[in-house]
Each structure stands twice: as C-alpha cells, then as structure tokens.
C-alpha cells in the first residue's frame, strides 16, 4: 500500500501545479479510497490518508502480528530439527492466549445459542486464512451435529474461488462484505462474526456494519488489541499470540488461535443445543462407513445393547441416534420418540429423565 502511494507521488510531483498556497491534487487509489494530498508536503502523505479514514480504515500501528519474532531472527541458518523446534515452541504459546478469552467465548456461546433456539443463524465473515477457517468450521457442523447447512454459514472475500486461490483486492472491498451478508436476508436473531487477524479488514468491517444495521448480534475475532473491529462489535474475542515465526504470516499462530476459538465456539453452542449426551456425539449424521459404525457404538453404549441389536434399533429409527436411544430406553415407537425429543427441545437427557420423573 505504501509503495503504491509513493509511486503515485513521484508521478504527481512531475506534473506542473499552479503556484498557490492551497494547491491540491486528487489521487485515487483502490475503489474505497479517495485521498486529497498537498503535493508540496509529500512527507505527510500517510497522515493525509489516515485522516481520510480515521475510524473505518485506520492504518495499523505496531500490530503484534506484524512485529519480528526474536526467536526466529536467524531461522534460515538453523538445522531442520532446530527450526521445527522453534516453530513448535511458538505454537505452544497459543492455547494460553485462547484461554485468556474464555469469558468472552462463553458469553458468545450463550448469546448465539439463545438466538439459534429461536431460529437464528451463525454467520462468519472473513478474508484469506481467516475466511477459510470460518468456511471450514461452518462446513463441519452439518455432518457432526446434524444441523441444516444454512444454520452456520461461512462467507469469504472473493467467494468460493478464494478458498483455493488468492483473489487480489477482495479483502479491501467493504461494500462487497456488506452486500454478501445482506444477501442472506439477515434478521435480529442472526449472529454475525467478523474474523480478521489484523482487526481492520475492510471486507469484514463492511459485513459487521451491515449486520448491525439489521439488528444482529455482532462478534469479532482478531489477534491484535485495540482494533477497529473491536470498536464495531457487541462481543470481541482477542487472543493475542504475538509475532509470527515468519513475520506477518498469520496462517501460523494466529491461524491456530482462530481455529481453536471457532472449535470451542461451535462445539459449545451445539452442546447447549442438546447435540451431545455427555461427550457422545448423539446428533451426528452417519454419511459414511466410519460414522455409521460410530452411531452403532453410541447406541450400544447408552442402551447397553449388543452391537448387532443396537444396529437393528438404529436402522428402525432411520439412523437417528437419539431416536434409537429413546425407543430402546423408554419403549416408544420411532414416531413417539421423535415427538418426545421435540417436546424436550432435542435434549436427549431431558427426554430420558422425563420418563423417570
């Protein structure tokens, strides 16, 4: 960005400019920028840009993820084993950073799950690594917890092509970020989380602005403190992981922290929604042989049936683990078991305790 501005300045300074005190020339950079700069004071060009966008797009100042890591200053001179150890030691710092955000993550789980019970959705908006991790987390929820595919949604700057290829400039388009989430026909029951390691990605900030206008719960996930994103959301999660082993490569510690937070967030939400029984995945969708075997083992473990009989009950229940358990434990038909579960908001424990109570 700075190189681009300087390049324009050199070009502009070659032009003849009228000799008057307030001589200004307009320079247009990316679509979302329109910067007026006093060409006789080029050394102040960064200040001019920063003043143009004082809140929405502040220039990063001393971002922890952009600093150099002292532990890896000479990493290219290390043996392969040594460099692996340096990377591993850096990764070991991530869990503590995530743990420091436990209160914020817990609040997010509570508020999102409350909205989901009423039909709300969780929507991620991100760019680059952050966007890909959001899409990944959303994609894993349906097979793991049997939720509809539209219940957790991942949006990435640049669209599906950006999942496997870099899309130049996509993350700088705040209007597209707003348009992408607005196209989902947001309601006040929805929760929109902006994921941006820097905390200042325009695409993400645009999505959050649109979500706030729609009355959604807004959340942010960044790895730098004092970000623009933190000032724009209801709940902010900020695991500060510090400098990366390769300066600025936020797919490393920052990416790991992001994945850990998203794992905790959706797992916690699904537990609150009754998608587990103890630590058993009772709402899984058995879409392959491995998951079919797991479903049988879960039914056998909860009911005490031999595996062969558990498989029969599961088949009679349409492959639904919770339904099969209620059928066996309470002696209901699959239809009656489904109704009991529905009356208990899908909570298997509540459905079983209702019988004994």
Protein backbone atom coordinates (compact mmCIF):
# COMPACT_ATOMS: atom_id res chain seq x y z
CA UNK A 1 0.00 0.00 0.00
CA UNK A 2 2.75 2.46 0.99
CA UNK A 3 4.74 1.61 -2.15
CA UNK A 4 1.65 2.31 -4.22
CA UNK A 5 1.15 5.72 -2.65
CA UNK A 6 4.80 6.67 -3.04
CA UNK A 7 4.73 5.61 -6.67
CA UNK A 8 1.80 7.95 -7.32
CA UNK A 9 3.58 10.78 -5.52
CA UNK A 10 6.62 10.51 -7.76
CA UNK A 11 4.32 10.63 -10.78
CA UNK A 12 2.34 13.59 -9.45
CA UNK A 13 5.36 15.62 -8.45
CA UNK A 14 6.48 15.63 -12.09
CA UNK A 15 3.29 17.49 -13.05
CA UNK A 16 3.09 21.27 -13.12
CA UNK A 17 0.93 22.54 -10.29
CA UNK A 18 -0.43 26.12 -10.02
CA UNK A 19 1.61 28.21 -7.56
CA UNK A 20 -0.93 28.94 -4.88
CA UNK A 21 -0.96 28.16 -1.21
CA UNK A 22 -3.81 25.67 -1.26
CA UNK A 23 -2.73 23.79 -4.35
CA UNK A 24 -4.12 20.25 -4.04
CA UNK A 25 -4.41 17.35 -6.37
CA UNK A 26 -6.70 14.34 -6.01
CA UNK A 27 -5.26 10.88 -6.14
CA UNK A 28 -7.46 7.81 -6.39
CA UNK A 29 -6.22 4.51 -5.12
CA UNK A 30 -8.39 1.38 -4.63
CA UNK A 31 -12.18 1.93 -5.16
CA UNK A 32 -12.88 2.59 -1.47
CA UNK A 33 -10.17 5.32 -1.27
CA UNK A 34 -10.34 8.93 -2.39
CA UNK A 35 -7.36 10.79 -0.94
CA UNK A 36 -6.60 14.51 -1.28
CA UNK A 37 -2.96 15.33 -0.62
CA UNK A 38 -0.92 18.54 -0.56
CA UNK A 39 1.75 17.71 -3.15
CA UNK A 40 4.13 20.24 -1.65
CA UNK A 41 4.21 18.24 1.58
CA UNK A 42 4.64 14.64 0.40
CA UNK A 43 6.25 13.59 3.65
CA UNK A 44 2.85 13.93 5.27
CA UNK A 45 1.07 11.64 2.82
CA UNK A 46 0.45 8.89 5.40
CA UNK A 47 -1.14 11.41 7.76
CA UNK A 48 -3.40 12.56 4.96
CA UNK A 49 -4.52 9.01 4.24
CA UNK A 50 -5.08 8.29 7.92
CA UNK A 51 -7.14 11.46 8.37
CA UNK A 52 -9.26 10.47 5.38
CA UNK A 53 -10.34 7.28 7.18
CA UNK A 54 -9.94 7.98 10.92
CA UNK A 55 -12.34 5.27 12.14
CA UNK A 56 -13.30 2.82 9.42
CA UNK A 57 -9.89 2.12 7.94
CA UNK A 58 -7.11 3.23 10.30
CA UNK A 59 -3.57 2.36 9.30
CA UNK A 60 -2.21 -0.41 11.55
CA UNK A 61 0.05 0.82 14.32
CA UNK A 62 2.50 -1.60 15.91
CA UNK A 63 0.32 -4.66 15.23
CA UNK A 64 1.68 -7.55 17.29
CA UNK A 65 1.26 -9.97 14.39
CA UNK A 66 3.40 -7.74 12.14
CA UNK A 67 6.35 -7.46 14.55
CA UNK A 68 9.52 -9.53 14.15
CA UNK A 69 9.87 -12.53 16.43
CA UNK A 70 13.25 -12.54 18.25
CA UNK A 71 13.18 -16.34 18.45
CA UNK A 72 13.32 -16.72 14.68
CA UNK A 73 15.55 -13.87 13.52
CA UNK A 74 18.07 -16.38 12.14
CA UNK A 75 15.73 -19.28 11.44
CA UNK A 76 17.18 -19.75 7.96
CA UNK A 77 20.53 -20.68 9.50
CA UNK A 78 19.14 -23.41 11.77
CA UNK A 79 19.11 -27.12 11.12
CA UNK A 80 15.79 -28.60 10.06
CA UNK A 81 15.27 -30.14 13.51
CA UNK A 82 16.03 -26.82 15.19
CA UNK A 83 13.60 -24.86 13.03
CA UNK A 84 10.87 -27.41 13.73
CA UNK A 85 11.52 -26.99 17.45
CA UNK A 86 11.36 -23.19 17.19
CA UNK A 87 8.02 -23.38 15.39
CA UNK A 88 6.68 -25.88 17.91
CA UNK A 89 7.74 -23.69 20.85
CA UNK A 90 5.91 -20.76 19.29
CA UNK A 91 2.78 -22.86 18.72
CA UNK A 92 2.81 -23.85 22.40
CA UNK A 93 2.04 -20.22 23.30
CA UNK A 94 -1.31 -20.26 21.50
CA UNK A 95 -3.52 -22.20 23.99
CA UNK A 96 -2.78 -19.70 26.77
CA UNK A 97 -3.77 -16.80 24.52
CA UNK A 98 -7.06 -18.53 23.70
CA UNK A 99 -7.66 -19.42 27.37
CA UNK A 100 -7.41 -15.73 28.28
CA UNK A 101 -10.52 -15.15 26.17
CA UNK A 102 -12.67 -17.78 27.93
CA UNK A 103 -15.18 -15.26 29.41
CA UNK A 104 -15.80 -13.65 26.02
CA UNK A 105 -16.10 -17.02 24.27
CA UNK A 106 -18.53 -18.27 26.93
CA UNK A 107 -20.68 -15.15 26.54
CA UNK A 108 -20.69 -15.64 22.78
CA UNK A 109 -21.79 -19.28 23.14
CA UNK A 110 -24.66 -18.32 25.45
CA UNK A 111 -25.96 -15.47 23.32
CA UNK A 112 -25.64 -17.28 19.99
CA UNK A 113 -27.28 -20.48 21.25
CA UNK A 114 -30.18 -18.48 22.71
CA UNK A 115 -30.81 -16.97 19.28
CA UNK A 116 -30.39 -20.29 17.48
CA UNK A 117 -33.13 -21.85 19.60
CA UNK A 118 -35.43 -19.28 18.08
CA UNK A 119 -34.30 -19.96 14.52
CA UNK A 120 -31.25 -17.71 14.29
CA UNK A 121 -28.08 -18.46 12.35
CA UNK A 122 -24.35 -18.03 12.93
CA UNK A 123 -22.60 -16.30 10.02
CA UNK A 124 -18.84 -15.91 9.66
CA UNK A 125 -17.25 -13.21 7.52
CA UNK A 126 -13.53 -13.26 6.79
CA UNK A 127 -10.79 -12.97 4.19
CA UNK A 128 -7.79 -15.14 3.40
CA UNK A 129 -6.86 -17.63 6.11
CA UNK A 130 -9.47 -16.20 8.47
CA UNK A 131 -12.21 -16.61 5.89
CA UNK A 132 -11.14 -20.16 5.01
CA UNK A 133 -11.21 -21.20 8.66
CA UNK A 134 -14.71 -19.78 9.04
CA UNK A 135 -15.93 -21.66 5.96
CA UNK A 136 -14.28 -24.86 7.26
CA UNK A 137 -15.94 -24.57 10.67
CA UNK A 138 -19.34 -23.94 9.08
CA UNK A 139 -18.93 -26.91 6.71
CA UNK A 140 -18.17 -29.31 9.57
CA UNK A 141 -21.28 -28.54 11.61
CA UNK A 142 -23.90 -30.39 9.49
CA UNK A 143 -22.18 -33.82 9.47
CA UNK A 144 -21.02 -33.53 13.09
CA UNK A 145 -24.23 -32.25 14.64
CA UNK A 146 -26.95 -32.85 12.00
CA UNK A 147 -27.79 -29.17 11.75
CA UNK A 148 -29.18 -27.73 8.50
CA UNK A 149 -26.48 -26.48 6.13
CA UNK A 150 -27.78 -22.91 6.44
CA UNK A 151 -27.57 -22.78 10.23
CA UNK A 152 -23.84 -21.98 10.30
CA UNK A 153 -22.59 -20.10 7.25
CA UNK A 154 -19.09 -19.09 6.18
CA UNK A 155 -18.56 -16.08 3.91
CA UNK A 156 -15.13 -15.36 2.41
CA UNK A 157 -13.93 -12.32 0.50
CA UNK A 158 -13.65 -13.29 -3.15
CA UNK A 159 -16.25 -16.06 -2.91
CA UNK A 160 -15.66 -19.77 -3.37
CA UNK A 161 -12.68 -19.17 -5.68
CA UNK A 162 -10.84 -17.64 -2.72
CA UNK A 163 -10.92 -20.97 -0.89
CA UNK A 164 -8.15 -22.30 -3.09
CA UNK A 165 -6.74 -19.19 -4.77
CA UNK A 166 -5.77 -15.69 -3.68
CA UNK A 167 -8.24 -13.12 -5.02
CA UNK A 168 -6.44 -9.79 -5.33
CA UNK A 169 -8.08 -6.86 -3.59
CA UNK A 170 -11.13 -8.81 -2.41
CA UNK A 171 -10.46 -8.14 1.26
CA UNK A 172 -10.30 -4.38 0.64
CA UNK A 173 -13.91 -4.19 -0.61
CA UNK A 174 -16.08 -3.17 2.33
CA UNK A 175 -19.15 -2.75 0.15
CA UNK A 176 -18.91 -6.35 -1.05
CA UNK A 177 -18.61 -7.53 2.55
CA UNK A 178 -21.83 -5.72 3.38
CA UNK A 179 -23.56 -6.99 0.25
CA UNK A 180 -22.56 -10.61 0.86
CA UNK A 181 -24.13 -10.77 4.33
CA UNK A 182 -27.13 -8.62 3.33
CA UNK A 183 -27.89 -11.17 0.59
CA UNK A 184 -28.58 -13.69 3.37
CA UNK A 185 -31.62 -11.61 4.41
CA UNK A 186 -30.41 -11.03 7.94
CA UNK A 187 -32.78 -10.88 10.91
CA UNK A 188 -32.32 -9.77 14.51
CA UNK A 189 -32.00 -13.45 15.51
CA UNK A 190 -28.84 -13.91 13.47
CA UNK A 191 -25.31 -13.64 14.85
CA UNK A 192 -22.54 -12.36 12.58
CA UNK A 193 -18.89 -12.86 13.49
CA UNK A 194 -16.16 -10.95 11.70
CA UNK A 195 -12.85 -12.86 11.62
CA UNK A 196 -9.79 -10.75 10.87
CA UNK A 197 -6.38 -11.31 12.45
CA UNK A 198 -5.47 -7.64 11.93
CA UNK A 199 -8.85 -6.44 13.17
CA UNK A 200 -9.12 -3.95 10.32
CA UNK A 201 -10.01 -5.87 7.12
CA UNK A 202 -12.46 -3.67 5.14
CA UNK A 203 -14.48 -6.63 3.81
CA UNK A 204 -15.10 -7.80 7.39
CA UNK A 205 -15.86 -4.32 8.72
CA UNK A 206 -18.39 -3.85 5.92
CA UNK A 207 -20.11 -7.11 6.84
CA UNK A 208 -20.27 -6.12 10.52
CA UNK A 209 -21.72 -2.70 9.65
CA UNK A 210 -24.48 -4.36 7.61
CA UNK A 211 -25.16 -6.83 10.43
CA UNK A 212 -25.51 -4.04 12.98
CA UNK A 213 -27.93 -2.22 10.70
CA UNK A 214 -30.02 -5.39 10.56
CA UNK A 215 -30.11 -5.67 14.36
CA UNK A 216 -27.95 -8.80 14.52
CA UNK A 217 -25.68 -9.80 17.38
CA UNK A 218 -22.19 -8.86 16.18
CA UNK A 219 -18.96 -10.55 17.23
CA UNK A 220 -15.32 -10.10 16.34
CA UNK A 221 -12.27 -12.35 16.37
CA UNK A 222 -8.83 -10.77 15.96
CA UNK A 223 -5.30 -11.33 17.25
CA UNK A 224 -4.39 -7.66 17.76
CA UNK A 225 -5.71 -5.44 20.54
CA UNK A 226 -7.32 -2.05 20.05
CA UNK A 227 -8.60 -2.84 16.57
CA UNK A 228 -11.32 -1.17 14.52
CA UNK A 229 -13.23 -4.46 14.68
CA UNK A 230 -13.27 -4.36 18.48
CA UNK A 231 -14.94 -0.94 18.34
CA UNK A 232 -17.63 -2.19 15.97
CA UNK A 233 -18.98 -5.35 17.65
CA UNK A 234 -21.01 -6.41 20.69
CA UNK A 235 -18.62 -9.19 21.74
CA UNK A 236 -14.90 -9.18 20.97
CA UNK A 237 -12.56 -12.17 21.24
CA UNK A 238 -8.87 -11.23 21.07
CA UNK A 239 -6.31 -14.00 21.60
CA UNK A 240 -3.05 -12.05 21.30
CA UNK A 241 -0.48 -14.56 20.07
CA UNK A 242 2.30 -12.07 19.32
CA UNK A 243 4.80 -12.05 16.44
CA UNK A 244 4.80 -14.93 14.00
CA UNK A 245 7.83 -17.13 13.32
CA UNK A 246 7.74 -15.77 9.75
CA UNK A 247 6.92 -12.09 10.14
CA UNK A 248 3.33 -11.35 9.15
CA UNK A 249 2.48 -14.95 8.22
CA UNK A 250 -0.73 -15.10 10.22
CA UNK A 251 -1.67 -18.55 8.96
CA UNK A 252 0.68 -19.73 11.73
CA UNK A 253 -0.05 -18.85 15.39
CA UNK A 254 -2.92 -16.52 14.56
CA UNK A 255 -4.49 -19.16 12.32
CA UNK A 256 -4.12 -21.79 15.03
CA UNK A 257 -5.69 -19.49 17.61
CA UNK A 258 -8.57 -18.76 15.24
CA UNK A 259 -9.22 -22.47 14.69
CA UNK A 260 -9.17 -23.16 18.45
CA UNK A 261 -11.64 -20.35 19.13
CA UNK A 262 -14.01 -21.49 16.37
CA UNK A 263 -13.77 -25.11 17.57
CA UNK A 264 -14.73 -24.04 21.08
CA UNK A 265 -17.46 -21.70 19.89
CA UNK A 266 -19.46 -24.08 17.71
CA UNK A 267 -18.84 -27.09 19.96
CA UNK A 268 -20.11 -25.11 22.95
CA UNK A 269 -23.14 -23.89 21.01
CA UNK A 270 -24.04 -27.40 19.89
CA UNK A 271 -23.68 -28.77 23.43
CA UNK A 272 -26.05 -26.05 24.65
CA UNK A 273 -28.48 -27.04 21.88
CA UNK A 274 -28.50 -30.68 23.03
CA UNK A 275 -26.36 -32.15 20.28
CA UNK A 276 -24.39 -34.30 22.74
CA UNK A 277 -25.16 -36.72 25.56
CA UNK A 278 -22.23 -36.45 27.92
CA UNK A 279 -19.34 -36.40 25.47
CA UNK A 280 -21.09 -38.62 22.94
CA UNK A 281 -21.99 -37.20 19.52
CA UNK A 282 -25.66 -38.24 19.56
CA UNK A 283 -26.79 -35.98 16.71
CA UNK A 284 -24.21 -37.00 14.12
CA UNK A 285 -25.22 -37.59 10.53
CA UNK A 286 -23.91 -41.04 9.55
CA UNK A 287 -22.90 -40.22 5.99
CA UNK A 288 -20.08 -42.74 5.66
CA UNK A 289 -18.99 -46.13 6.97
CA UNK A 290 -16.89 -44.69 9.80
CA UNK A 291 -19.77 -42.56 11.10
CA UNK A 292 -22.25 -45.42 10.72
CA UNK A 293 -20.02 -47.56 12.91
CA UNK A 294 -19.72 -44.73 15.44
CA UNK A 295 -23.51 -44.33 15.56
CA UNK A 296 -23.97 -48.01 16.35
CA UNK A 297 -21.33 -47.86 19.08
CA UNK A 298 -23.00 -44.84 20.68
CA UNK A 299 -26.43 -46.51 20.74
CA UNK A 300 -24.89 -49.68 22.18
CA UNK A 301 -23.04 -47.74 24.88
CA UNK A 302 -26.04 -45.70 26.06
CA UNK A 303 -28.59 -48.53 25.91
CA UNK A 304 -26.38 -51.46 26.89
CA UNK A 305 -27.47 -53.43 23.84
CA UNK A 306 -25.12 -55.73 21.93
CA UNK A 307 -23.82 -54.08 18.77
CA UNK A 308 -25.97 -56.22 16.46
CA UNK A 309 -29.17 -55.29 18.30
CA UNK A 310 -28.13 -51.65 18.55
CA UNK A 311 -27.67 -51.63 14.76
CA UNK A 312 -31.21 -53.01 14.30
CA UNK A 313 -32.78 -50.37 16.55
CA UNK A 314 -30.79 -47.66 14.82
CA UNK A 315 -31.98 -48.86 11.40
CA UNK A 316 -35.61 -48.90 12.61
CA UNK A 317 -35.11 -45.30 13.81
CA UNK A 318 -33.94 -44.02 10.45
CA UNK A 319 -30.31 -43.86 11.54
CA UNK A 320 -31.12 -41.26 14.20
CA UNK A 321 -29.07 -41.97 17.32
CA UNK A 322 -31.20 -40.01 19.80
CA UNK A 323 -34.39 -41.51 18.44
CA UNK A 324 -32.94 -45.03 18.72
CA UNK A 325 -31.89 -44.44 22.33
CA UNK A 326 -35.34 -43.18 23.35
CA UNK A 327 -37.00 -46.08 21.53
CA UNK A 328 -34.92 -48.63 23.42
CA UNK A 329 -34.77 -46.97 26.84
CA UNK A 330 -38.42 -45.91 27.08
CA UNK A 331 -40.15 -48.42 24.82
CA UNK A 332 -41.68 -46.00 22.32
CA UNK A 333 -42.13 -46.18 18.58
CA UNK A 334 -39.72 -44.07 16.50
CA UNK A 335 -42.51 -41.55 15.82
CA UNK A 336 -43.31 -41.25 19.53
CA UNK A 337 -39.62 -40.94 20.36
CA UNK A 338 -39.19 -38.08 17.88
CA UNK A 339 -42.17 -36.28 19.39
CA UNK A 340 -40.79 -36.65 22.91
CA UNK A 341 -37.44 -35.28 21.78
CA UNK A 342 -39.16 -32.37 20.07
CA UNK A 343 -41.07 -31.61 23.27
CA UNK A 344 -37.72 -31.51 25.08
CA UNK A 345 -36.07 -29.17 22.54
CA UNK A 346 -33.97 -32.04 21.20
CA UNK A 347 -32.29 -32.66 24.57
CA UNK A 348 -31.79 -36.43 24.93
CA UNK A 349 -31.06 -36.26 28.65
CA UNK A 350 -34.27 -34.32 29.28
CA UNK A 351 -36.28 -36.80 27.22
CA UNK A 352 -34.93 -39.77 29.21
CA UNK A 353 -35.36 -38.03 32.58
CA UNK A 354 -38.92 -37.03 31.70
CA UNK A 355 -39.80 -40.71 31.67
CA UNK A 356 -38.31 -41.45 35.08
CA UNK A 357 -39.62 -38.21 36.56
